[in-house]
Amino acid sequence: MHVEPELIELESALGHRFQRPELVVCALTHRSWTQEPGHESGGGDDNERLEFLGDAVLGLVVAEALYAAHPEWREGELTRVRARLVSRQHMAGVAESIGLGDHLRLSRSEERGGLRQKSTVLSNAMEAVIAALYLDGGLAPVRAFVAARVMGEAAELLAEEVRAGAALGNFKSALQEHLQASRAGVPVYRVRGESGPDHHKRFLVEVRVKAAAGEPGTPLARGVGSTKKRAEQDAARRALDGLRANGGAGAEAGFGTVSEADAAELEELGEEPEEQAAP
């Protein structure tokens, strides 16, 4: 089977030249493609079986890498970090980093519906591609890809959280502990805006540090998320990054960054409720 010219770029990002190109083509094929008129015959299989295999292979390779890199970690630490690295959110980000969405085979209706950018579809396709790598070349290309794209900076940041004693993923608690330890004050969160329909809300939350009651507080960061809680966690994460990067002077360093896509999506801010102290 001949590799389409546009897939050569994907092979480069994956760091692997497929001996069986039909594997990666199948990995890129969403179920909607095979059900579209004209594709029922000759369209090939969809990527759901590969996704099943890729999930298992990914978990194995990430677990192996963490086990080798951190002999000092206990089972609980290894399990929590692995869960974060193989999560849908992280794998969707990995897929975006290599432009995987551009190569997906979708039906015309799903294309118009924006399925190409949906995190679930991206993460599932990424797992399917990992299975294709495994079936075509064994564990070696999977290990190389995981080391370069799945682990990397993300694994280092999670390792820093473990070393700092923070509860993985609970950035609000970690930020509160950080501010209390430095006697800087308490974090407060305020919803600055929201957008989207009820089934697809996006919230913009600001976190400030208040040294005393009645003060407006010093802004630390802003975060976004599909719920208020997730936006608060994102804001706390950005605040922690700023504090650590500036040696504790994050309050004076200004807001943490929000991506251009998030900024555009939240261009029209809604009402701004009164700020409340963090629990």
C-alpha atoms as a PDB file:
ATOM      1  CA  MET A   1       0.000   0.000   0.000  1.00  0.00           C
ATOM      2  CA  HIS A   2       1.386   3.376  -1.053  1.00  0.00           C
ATOM      3  CA  VAL A   3       1.801   6.064   1.603  1.00  0.00           C
ATOM      4  CA  GLU A   4      -0.038   9.262   0.713  1.00  0.00           C
ATOM      5  CA  PRO A   5       2.295  12.287   0.456  1.00  0.00           C
ATOM      6  CA  GLU A   6       0.545  14.033   3.356  1.00  0.00           C
ATOM      7  CA  LEU A   7       1.285  11.062   5.614  1.00  0.00           C
ATOM      8  CA  ILE A   8       5.024  11.412   5.102  1.00  0.00           C
ATOM      9  CA  GLU A   9       4.908  14.496   7.352  1.00  0.00           C
ATOM     10  CA  LEU A  10       3.079  12.475  10.004  1.00  0.00           C
ATOM     11  CA  GLU A  11       5.643   9.677   9.773  1.00  0.00           C
ATOM     12  CA  SER A  12       8.349  12.274  10.374  1.00  0.00           C
ATOM     13  CA  ALA A  13       6.570  13.532  13.497  1.00  0.00           C
ATOM     14  CA  LEU A  14       6.159   9.953  14.707  1.00  0.00           C
ATOM     15  CA  GLY A  15       9.800   9.168  13.987  1.00  0.00           C
ATOM     16  CA  HIS A  16       8.896   5.968  12.147  1.00  0.00           C
ATOM     17  CA  ARG A  17       8.605   4.874   8.520  1.00  0.00           C
ATOM     18  CA  PHE A  18       5.806   2.351   8.220  1.00  0.00           C
ATOM     19  CA  GLN A  19       6.490  -0.934   6.472  1.00  0.00           C
ATOM     20  CA  ARG A  20       2.741  -1.569   6.546  1.00  0.00           C
ATOM     21  CA  PRO A  21       1.186   1.839   5.780  1.00  0.00           C
ATOM     22  CA  GLU A  22      -2.310   0.375   5.975  1.00  0.00           C
ATOM     23  CA  LEU A  23      -1.883   0.277   9.751  1.00  0.00           C
ATOM     24  CA  VAL A  24      -1.503   4.017  10.155  1.00  0.00           C
ATOM     25  CA  VAL A  25      -4.286   4.652   7.623  1.00  0.00           C
ATOM     26  CA  CYS A  26      -6.598   2.473   9.702  1.00  0.00           C
ATOM     27  CA  ALA A  27      -5.474   4.290  12.863  1.00  0.00           C
ATOM     28  CA  LEU A  28      -6.575   7.573  11.301  1.00  0.00           C
ATOM     29  CA  THR A  29      -9.979   6.297  10.189  1.00  0.00           C
ATOM     30  CA  HIS A  30     -12.916   7.352  12.335  1.00  0.00           C
ATOM     31  CA  ARG A  31     -16.002   5.139  12.399  1.00  0.00           C
ATOM     32  CA  SER A  32     -18.017   7.846  10.634  1.00  0.00           C
ATOM     33  CA  TRP A  33     -15.800   7.523   7.552  1.00  0.00           C
ATOM     34  CA  THR A  34     -16.596   3.836   7.052  1.00  0.00           C
ATOM     35  CA  GLN A  35     -20.341   4.493   7.422  1.00  0.00           C
ATOM     36  CA  GLU A  36     -20.507   7.312   4.894  1.00  0.00           C
ATOM     37  CA  PRO A  37     -22.077   6.513   1.511  1.00  0.00           C
ATOM     38  CA  GLY A  38     -19.342   5.611  -0.920  1.00  0.00           C
ATOM     39  CA  HIS A  39     -16.975   4.344   1.744  1.00  0.00           C
ATOM     40  CA  GLU A  40     -18.883   1.231   2.857  1.00  0.00           C
ATOM     41  CA  SER A  41     -16.836  -0.972   0.534  1.00  0.00           C
ATOM     42  CA  GLY A  42     -13.136  -0.443   0.165  1.00  0.00           C
ATOM     43  CA  GLY A  43     -13.014   2.127   2.944  1.00  0.00           C
ATOM     44  CA  GLY A  44     -11.213  -0.209   5.322  1.00  0.00           C
ATOM     45  CA  ASP A  45     -11.738  -0.728   9.039  1.00  0.00           C
ATOM     46  CA  ASP A  46     -12.110   2.053  11.580  1.00  0.00           C
ATOM     47  CA  ASN A  47      -9.589   2.668  14.366  1.00  0.00           C
ATOM     48  CA  GLU A  48     -11.550   1.396  17.385  1.00  0.00           C
ATOM     49  CA  ARG A  49      -9.782  -1.972  17.687  1.00  0.00           C
ATOM     50  CA  LEU A  50      -6.410  -0.271  17.335  1.00  0.00           C
ATOM     51  CA  GLU A  51      -7.454   2.213  20.017  1.00  0.00           C
ATOM     52  CA  PHE A  52      -8.075  -0.684  22.415  1.00  0.00           C
ATOM     53  CA  LEU A  53      -4.605  -2.116  21.792  1.00  0.00           C
ATOM     54  CA  GLY A  54      -2.899   1.280  21.846  1.00  0.00           C
ATOM     55  CA  ASP A  55      -4.332   2.105  25.261  1.00  0.00           C
ATOM     56  CA  ALA A  56      -2.691  -1.014  26.708  1.00  0.00           C
ATOM     57  CA  VAL A  57       0.632  -0.473  24.912  1.00  0.00           C
ATOM     58  CA  LEU A  58       0.770   3.175  25.981  1.00  0.00           C
ATOM     59  CA  GLY A  59       0.128   2.280  29.613  1.00  0.00           C
ATOM     60  CA  LEU A  60       2.865  -0.353  29.536  1.00  0.00           C
ATOM     61  CA  VAL A  61       5.506   1.886  27.960  1.00  0.00           C
ATOM     62  CA  VAL A  62       4.762   4.868  30.231  1.00  0.00           C
ATOM     63  CA  ALA A  63       4.813   2.599  33.294  1.00  0.00           C
ATOM     64  CA  GLU A  64       8.128   1.109  32.162  1.00  0.00           C
ATOM     65  CA  ALA A  65       9.660   4.563  31.643  1.00  0.00           C
ATOM     66  CA  LEU A  66       8.494   5.852  35.035  1.00  0.00           C
ATOM     67  CA  TYR A  67       9.659   2.687  36.788  1.00  0.00           C
ATOM     68  CA  ALA A  68      13.146   3.068  35.310  1.00  0.00           C
ATOM     69  CA  ALA A  69      13.403   6.830  35.843  1.00  0.00           C
ATOM     70  CA  HIS A  70      12.155   6.974  39.446  1.00  0.00           C
ATOM     71  CA  PRO A  71      13.332   4.017  41.558  1.00  0.00           C
ATOM     72  CA  GLU A  72      12.567   6.101  44.669  1.00  0.00           C
ATOM     73  CA  TRP A  73       8.810   6.297  43.956  1.00  0.00           C
ATOM     74  CA  ARG A  74       6.271   4.028  45.598  1.00  0.00           C
ATOM     75  CA  GLU A  75       3.403   2.375  43.739  1.00  0.00           C
ATOM     76  CA  GLY A  76       0.961   5.189  44.514  1.00  0.00           C
ATOM     77  CA  GLU A  77       3.209   7.872  43.036  1.00  0.00           C
ATOM     78  CA  LEU A  78       3.913   5.804  39.925  1.00  0.00           C
ATOM     79  CA  THR A  79       0.206   5.124  39.438  1.00  0.00           C
ATOM     80  CA  ARG A  80      -0.880   8.746  39.780  1.00  0.00           C
ATOM     81  CA  VAL A  81       1.760  10.115  37.425  1.00  0.00           C
ATOM     82  CA  ARG A  82       1.048   7.412  34.843  1.00  0.00           C
ATOM     83  CA  ALA A  83      -2.666   8.248  35.004  1.00  0.00           C
ATOM     84  CA  ARG A  84      -1.928  11.891  34.245  1.00  0.00           C
ATOM     85  CA  LEU A  85       0.402  11.067  31.351  1.00  0.00           C
ATOM     86  CA  VAL A  86      -2.029   8.676  29.641  1.00  0.00           C
ATOM     87  CA  SER A  87      -5.103  10.834  30.354  1.00  0.00           C
ATOM     88  CA  ARG A  88      -7.391  11.913  27.541  1.00  0.00           C
ATOM     89  CA  GLN A  89      -6.466  15.560  28.062  1.00  0.00           C
ATOM     90  CA  HIS A  90      -2.732  14.942  27.843  1.00  0.00           C
ATOM     91  CA  MET A  91      -2.950  12.570  24.876  1.00  0.00           C
ATOM     92  CA  ALA A  92      -5.157  15.030  23.004  1.00  0.00           C
ATOM     93  CA  GLY A  93      -2.423  17.602  23.543  1.00  0.00           C
ATOM     94  CA  VAL A  94       0.172  15.161  22.221  1.00  0.00           C
ATOM     95  CA  ALA A  95      -2.017  14.606  19.154  1.00  0.00           C
ATOM     96  CA  GLU A  96      -2.291  18.355  18.602  1.00  0.00           C
ATOM     97  CA  SER A  97       1.477  18.766  18.898  1.00  0.00           C
ATOM     98  CA  ILE A  98       2.042  16.519  15.870  1.00  0.00           C
ATOM     99  CA  GLY A  99      -0.923  17.813  13.866  1.00  0.00           C
ATOM    100  CA  LEU A 100      -2.724  14.483  14.028  1.00  0.00           C
ATOM    101  CA  GLY A 101      -6.146  16.048  13.550  1.00  0.00           C
ATOM    102  CA  ASP A 102      -5.213  17.198  10.050  1.00  0.00           C
ATOM    103  CA  HIS A 103      -4.796  13.574   8.956  1.00  0.00           C
ATOM    104  CA  LEU A 104      -7.998  12.058  10.370  1.00  0.00           C
ATOM    105  CA  ARG A 105     -10.460  10.461   7.966  1.00  0.00           C
ATOM    106  CA  LEU A 106     -13.934  11.677   8.932  1.00  0.00           C
ATOM    107  CA  SER A 107     -17.336  11.762   7.302  1.00  0.00           C
ATOM    108  CA  ARG A 108     -18.357  15.064   5.758  1.00  0.00           C
ATOM    109  CA  SER A 109     -21.041  15.625   8.390  1.00  0.00           C
ATOM    110  CA  GLU A 110     -18.615  15.047  11.272  1.00  0.00           C
ATOM    111  CA  GLU A 111     -16.086  17.290   9.561  1.00  0.00           C
ATOM    112  CA  ARG A 112     -18.627  20.108   9.505  1.00  0.00           C
ATOM    113  CA  GLY A 113     -19.494  19.390  13.142  1.00  0.00           C
ATOM    114  CA  GLY A 114     -15.937  20.089  14.284  1.00  0.00           C
ATOM    115  CA  LEU A 115     -15.119  16.517  15.283  1.00  0.00           C
ATOM    116  CA  ARG A 116     -11.552  16.941  14.032  1.00  0.00           C
ATOM    117  CA  GLN A 117     -10.737  19.199  17.008  1.00  0.00           C
ATOM    118  CA  LYS A 118     -12.595  17.199  19.685  1.00  0.00           C
ATOM    119  CA  SER A 119     -10.263  16.029  22.449  1.00  0.00           C
ATOM    120  CA  THR A 120     -11.866  12.593  22.731  1.00  0.00           C
ATOM    121  CA  VAL A 121     -11.421  11.905  19.029  1.00  0.00           C
ATOM    122  CA  LEU A 122      -7.834  13.171  19.070  1.00  0.00           C
ATOM    123  CA  SER A 123      -6.814  11.129  22.103  1.00  0.00           C
ATOM    124  CA  ASN A 124      -8.485   7.983  20.742  1.00  0.00           C
ATOM    125  CA  ALA A 125      -6.764   8.408  17.391  1.00  0.00           C
ATOM    126  CA  MET A 126      -3.427   8.965  19.151  1.00  0.00           C
ATOM    127  CA  GLU A 127      -3.828   5.662  20.969  1.00  0.00           C
ATOM    128  CA  ALA A 128      -4.704   3.960  17.693  1.00  0.00           C
ATOM    129  CA  VAL A 129      -1.571   5.376  16.072  1.00  0.00           C
ATOM    130  CA  ILE A 130       0.521   4.070  18.975  1.00  0.00           C
ATOM    131  CA  ALA A 131      -0.959   0.623  18.330  1.00  0.00           C
ATOM    132  CA  ALA A 132      -0.034   0.981  14.656  1.00  0.00           C
ATOM    133  CA  LEU A 133       3.532   1.838  15.661  1.00  0.00           C
ATOM    134  CA  TYR A 134       3.657  -1.242  17.870  1.00  0.00           C
ATOM    135  CA  LEU A 135       2.255  -3.623  15.253  1.00  0.00           C
ATOM    136  CA  ASP A 136       4.567  -2.267  12.578  1.00  0.00           C
ATOM    137  CA  GLY A 137       7.824  -2.003  14.516  1.00  0.00           C
ATOM    138  CA  GLY A 138       7.395  -3.458  17.988  1.00  0.00           C
ATOM    139  CA  LEU A 139       8.018  -1.572  21.213  1.00  0.00           C
ATOM    140  CA  ALA A 140      11.099   0.327  20.010  1.00  0.00           C
ATOM    141  CA  PRO A 141       9.280   3.032  17.971  1.00  0.00           C
ATOM    142  CA  VAL A 142       6.632   3.334  20.683  1.00  0.00           C
ATOM    143  CA  ARG A 143       9.283   3.868  23.366  1.00  0.00           C
ATOM    144  CA  ALA A 144      10.996   6.517  21.238  1.00  0.00           C
ATOM    145  CA  PHE A 145       7.741   8.362  20.547  1.00  0.00           C
ATOM    146  CA  VAL A 146       6.585   8.198  24.168  1.00  0.00           C
ATOM    147  CA  ALA A 147       9.934   9.499  25.410  1.00  0.00           C
ATOM    148  CA  ALA A 148       9.880  12.417  22.965  1.00  0.00           C
ATOM    149  CA  ARG A 149       6.211  13.411  23.009  1.00  0.00           C
ATOM    150  CA  VAL A 150       4.308  11.845  25.908  1.00  0.00           C
ATOM    151  CA  MET A 151       6.905  12.092  28.672  1.00  0.00           C
ATOM    152  CA  GLY A 152       9.309  14.995  28.182  1.00  0.00           C
ATOM    153  CA  GLU A 153       8.466  18.232  29.973  1.00  0.00           C
ATOM    154  CA  ALA A 154       5.116  16.951  31.240  1.00  0.00           C
ATOM    155  CA  ALA A 155       6.756  14.074  33.108  1.00  0.00           C
ATOM    156  CA  GLU A 156       9.338  16.424  34.605  1.00  0.00           C
ATOM    157  CA  LEU A 157       6.656  18.818  35.858  1.00  0.00           C
ATOM    158  CA  LEU A 158       4.754  15.960  37.473  1.00  0.00           C
ATOM    159  CA  ALA A 159       7.971  14.695  39.046  1.00  0.00           C
ATOM    160  CA  GLU A 160       8.529  18.170  40.512  1.00  0.00           C
ATOM    161  CA  GLU A 161       5.053  18.029  42.054  1.00  0.00           C
ATOM    162  CA  VAL A 162       5.883  14.687  43.653  1.00  0.00           C
ATOM    163  CA  ARG A 163       9.175  16.018  45.011  1.00  0.00           C
ATOM    164  CA  ALA A 164       7.377  19.095  46.379  1.00  0.00           C
ATOM    165  CA  GLY A 165       4.892  16.855  48.153  1.00  0.00           C
ATOM    166  CA  ALA A 166       1.899  18.333  46.347  1.00  0.00           C
ATOM    167  CA  ALA A 167      -1.215  16.256  45.740  1.00  0.00           C
ATOM    168  CA  LEU A 168      -1.032  15.495  42.027  1.00  0.00           C
ATOM    169  CA  GLY A 169      -3.668  17.426  40.118  1.00  0.00           C
ATOM    170  CA  ASN A 170      -4.909  19.325  43.193  1.00  0.00           C
ATOM    171  CA  PHE A 171      -3.268  22.609  42.316  1.00  0.00           C
ATOM    172  CA  LYS A 172      -5.628  24.635  44.531  1.00  0.00           C
ATOM    173  CA  SER A 173      -4.410  22.822  47.638  1.00  0.00           C
ATOM    174  CA  ALA A 174      -0.805  23.086  46.502  1.00  0.00           C
ATOM    175  CA  LEU A 175      -1.159  26.841  45.905  1.00  0.00           C
ATOM    176  CA  GLN A 176      -2.797  27.404  49.274  1.00  0.00           C
ATOM    177  CA  GLU A 177      -0.003  25.481  51.030  1.00  0.00           C
ATOM    178  CA  HIS A 178       2.622  27.447  49.096  1.00  0.00           C
ATOM    179  CA  LEU A 179       1.118  30.822  50.049  1.00  0.00           C
ATOM    180  CA  GLN A 180       0.605  29.822  53.677  1.00  0.00           C
ATOM    181  CA  ALA A 181       4.195  28.621  53.965  1.00  0.00           C
ATOM    182  CA  SER A 182       5.453  31.988  52.728  1.00  0.00           C
ATOM    183  CA  ARG A 183       2.896  33.934  54.828  1.00  0.00           C
ATOM    184  CA  ALA A 184       1.764  35.711  51.678  1.00  0.00           C
ATOM    185  CA  GLY A 185      -1.962  35.383  52.323  1.00  0.00           C
ATOM    186  CA  VAL A 186      -4.812  33.234  51.033  1.00  0.00           C
ATOM    187  CA  PRO A 187      -5.864  32.575  47.432  1.00  0.00           C
ATOM    188  CA  VAL A 188      -9.288  33.752  46.304  1.00  0.00           C
ATOM    189  CA  TYR A 189     -10.991  32.825  43.037  1.00  0.00           C
ATOM    190  CA  ARG A 190     -13.299  34.918  40.927  1.00  0.00           C
ATOM    191  CA  VAL A 191     -15.186  33.974  37.766  1.00  0.00           C
ATOM    192  CA  ARG A 192     -14.335  36.690  35.240  1.00  0.00           C
ATOM    193  CA  GLY A 193     -16.355  35.368  32.324  1.00  0.00           C
ATOM    194  CA  GLU A 194     -18.034  32.471  30.594  1.00  0.00           C
ATOM    195  CA  SER A 195     -19.027  31.528  27.068  1.00  0.00           C
ATOM    196  CA  GLY A 196     -20.733  28.790  25.097  1.00  0.00           C
ATOM    197  CA  PRO A 197     -24.033  26.917  25.363  1.00  0.00           C
ATOM    198  CA  ASP A 198     -25.006  25.037  28.526  1.00  0.00           C
ATOM    199  CA  HIS A 199     -23.673  21.727  27.218  1.00  0.00           C
ATOM    200  CA  HIS A 200     -20.307  23.224  26.242  1.00  0.00           C
ATOM    201  CA  LYS A 201     -19.523  25.995  28.732  1.00  0.00           C
ATOM    202  CA  ARG A 202     -16.105  27.612  29.092  1.00  0.00           C
ATOM    203  CA  PHE A 203     -15.192  29.592  32.206  1.00  0.00           C
ATOM    204  CA  LEU A 204     -12.466  32.171  32.822  1.00  0.00           C
ATOM    205  CA  VAL A 205     -11.346  32.332  36.468  1.00  0.00           C
ATOM    206  CA  GLU A 206      -8.888  34.683  38.140  1.00  0.00           C
ATOM    207  CA  VAL A 207      -6.958  33.823  41.291  1.00  0.00           C
ATOM    208  CA  ARG A 208      -5.636  36.529  43.616  1.00  0.00           C
ATOM    209  CA  VAL A 209      -3.705  36.437  46.858  1.00  0.00           C
ATOM    210  CA  LYS A 210      -5.200  38.428  49.750  1.00  0.00           C
ATOM    211  CA  ALA A 211      -3.010  39.327  52.699  1.00  0.00           C
ATOM    212  CA  ALA A 212      -5.870  40.697  54.805  1.00  0.00           C
ATOM    213  CA  ALA A 213      -9.668  40.846  54.820  1.00  0.00           C
ATOM    214  CA  GLY A 214     -11.170  43.692  52.846  1.00  0.00           C
ATOM    215  CA  GLU A 215      -8.215  44.016  50.455  1.00  0.00           C
ATOM    216  CA  PRO A 216      -8.794  43.529  46.709  1.00  0.00           C
ATOM    217  CA  GLY A 217      -5.828  41.156  46.517  1.00  0.00           C
ATOM    218  CA  THR A 218      -2.923  40.879  44.111  1.00  0.00           C
ATOM    219  CA  PRO A 219      -3.620  39.042  40.829  1.00  0.00           C
ATOM    220  CA  LEU A 220      -1.644  35.855  40.301  1.00  0.00           C
ATOM    221  CA  ALA A 221      -3.054  34.112  37.229  1.00  0.00           C
ATOM    222  CA  ARG A 222      -6.069  33.317  35.112  1.00  0.00           C
ATOM    223  CA  GLY A 223      -7.259  29.902  34.029  1.00  0.00           C
ATOM    224  CA  VAL A 224      -9.909  28.369  31.794  1.00  0.00           C
ATOM    225  CA  GLY A 225     -11.956  25.197  31.955  1.00  0.00           C
ATOM    226  CA  SER A 226     -15.223  23.496  31.059  1.00  0.00           C
ATOM    227  CA  THR A 227     -16.416  23.912  34.670  1.00  0.00           C
ATOM    228  CA  LYS A 228     -15.714  26.504  37.345  1.00  0.00           C
ATOM    229  CA  LYS A 229     -13.764  23.934  39.365  1.00  0.00           C
ATOM    230  CA  ARG A 230     -11.556  23.015  36.421  1.00  0.00           C
ATOM    231  CA  ALA A 231     -10.946  26.681  35.627  1.00  0.00           C
ATOM    232  CA  GLU A 232      -9.952  27.277  39.251  1.00  0.00           C
ATOM    233  CA  GLN A 233      -7.521  24.350  39.120  1.00  0.00           C
ATOM    234  CA  ASP A 234      -6.057  25.708  35.882  1.00  0.00           C
ATOM    235  CA  ALA A 235      -5.651  29.177  37.410  1.00  0.00           C
ATOM    236  CA  ALA A 236      -3.975  27.668  40.487  1.00  0.00           C
ATOM    237  CA  ARG A 237      -1.620  25.662  38.279  1.00  0.00           C
ATOM    238  CA  ARG A 238      -0.615  28.767  36.317  1.00  0.00           C
ATOM    239  CA  ALA A 239      -0.139  30.698  39.568  1.00  0.00           C
ATOM    240  CA  LEU A 240       2.152  27.983  40.945  1.00  0.00           C
ATOM    241  CA  ASP A 241       4.164  27.989  37.724  1.00  0.00           C
ATOM    242  CA  GLY A 242       4.567  31.757  37.992  1.00  0.00           C
ATOM    243  CA  LEU A 243       5.566  31.676  41.644  1.00  0.00           C
ATOM    244  CA  ARG A 244       8.152  28.968  41.038  1.00  0.00           C
ATOM    245  CA  ALA A 245       9.533  30.610  37.893  1.00  0.00           C
ATOM    246  CA  ASN A 246       9.934  33.940  39.687  1.00  0.00           C
ATOM    247  CA  GLY A 247      11.339  32.554  42.907  1.00  0.00           C
ATOM    248  CA  GLY A 248       8.176  33.342  44.837  1.00  0.00           C
ATOM    249  CA  ALA A 249       7.615  36.755  43.218  1.00  0.00           C
ATOM    250  CA  GLY A 250       4.757  35.537  41.051  1.00  0.00           C
ATOM    251  CA  ALA A 251       2.289  38.004  42.572  1.00  0.00           C
ATOM    252  CA  GLU A 252       4.240  40.886  41.116  1.00  0.00           C
ATOM    253  CA  ALA A 253       4.847  39.076  37.832  1.00  0.00           C
ATOM    254  CA  GLY A 254       1.254  39.471  36.650  1.00  0.00           C
ATOM    255  CA  PHE A 255      -1.234  37.038  35.181  1.00  0.00           C
ATOM    256  CA  GLY A 256      -0.342  33.593  33.940  1.00  0.00           C
ATOM    257  CA  THR A 257      -0.844  33.223  30.208  1.00  0.00           C
ATOM    258  CA  VAL A 258      -4.037  32.029  28.562  1.00  0.00           C
ATOM    259  CA  SER A 259      -3.794  30.548  25.065  1.00  0.00           C
ATOM    260  CA  GLU A 260      -4.917  32.620  22.077  1.00  0.00           C
ATOM    261  CA  ALA A 261      -7.706  30.120  21.404  1.00  0.00           C
ATOM    262  CA  ASP A 262      -9.022  30.431  24.957  1.00  0.00           C
ATOM    263  CA  ALA A 263      -8.695  34.210  24.890  1.00  0.00           C
ATOM    264  CA  ALA A 264     -10.671  34.423  21.650  1.00  0.00           C
ATOM    265  CA  GLU A 265     -13.324  32.037  22.936  1.00  0.00           C
ATOM    266  CA  LEU A 266     -13.786  34.111  26.096  1.00  0.00           C
ATOM    267  CA  GLU A 267     -13.641  37.489  24.388  1.00  0.00           C
ATOM    268  CA  GLU A 268     -17.099  38.436  25.604  1.00  0.00           C
ATOM    269  CA  LEU A 269     -16.972  38.232  29.401  1.00  0.00           C
ATOM    270  CA  GLY A 270     -20.128  37.619  31.361  1.00  0.00           C
ATOM    271  CA  GLU A 271     -21.077  38.816  34.830  1.00  0.00           C
ATOM    272  CA  GLU A 272     -18.409  38.908  37.474  1.00  0.00           C
ATOM    273  CA  PRO A 273     -19.582  37.381  40.782  1.00  0.00           C
ATOM    274  CA  GLU A 274     -18.069  38.475  44.060  1.00  0.00           C
ATOM    275  CA  GLU A 275     -14.783  36.751  44.831  1.00  0.00           C
ATOM    276  CA  GLN A 276     -14.776  34.038  47.457  1.00  0.00           C
ATOM    277  CA  ALA A 277     -12.033  32.669  49.645  1.00  0.00           C
ATOM    278  CA  ALA A 278     -10.607  29.349  48.587  1.00  0.00           C
ATOM    279  CA  PRO A 279     -11.805  26.380  50.665  1.00  0.00           C
END
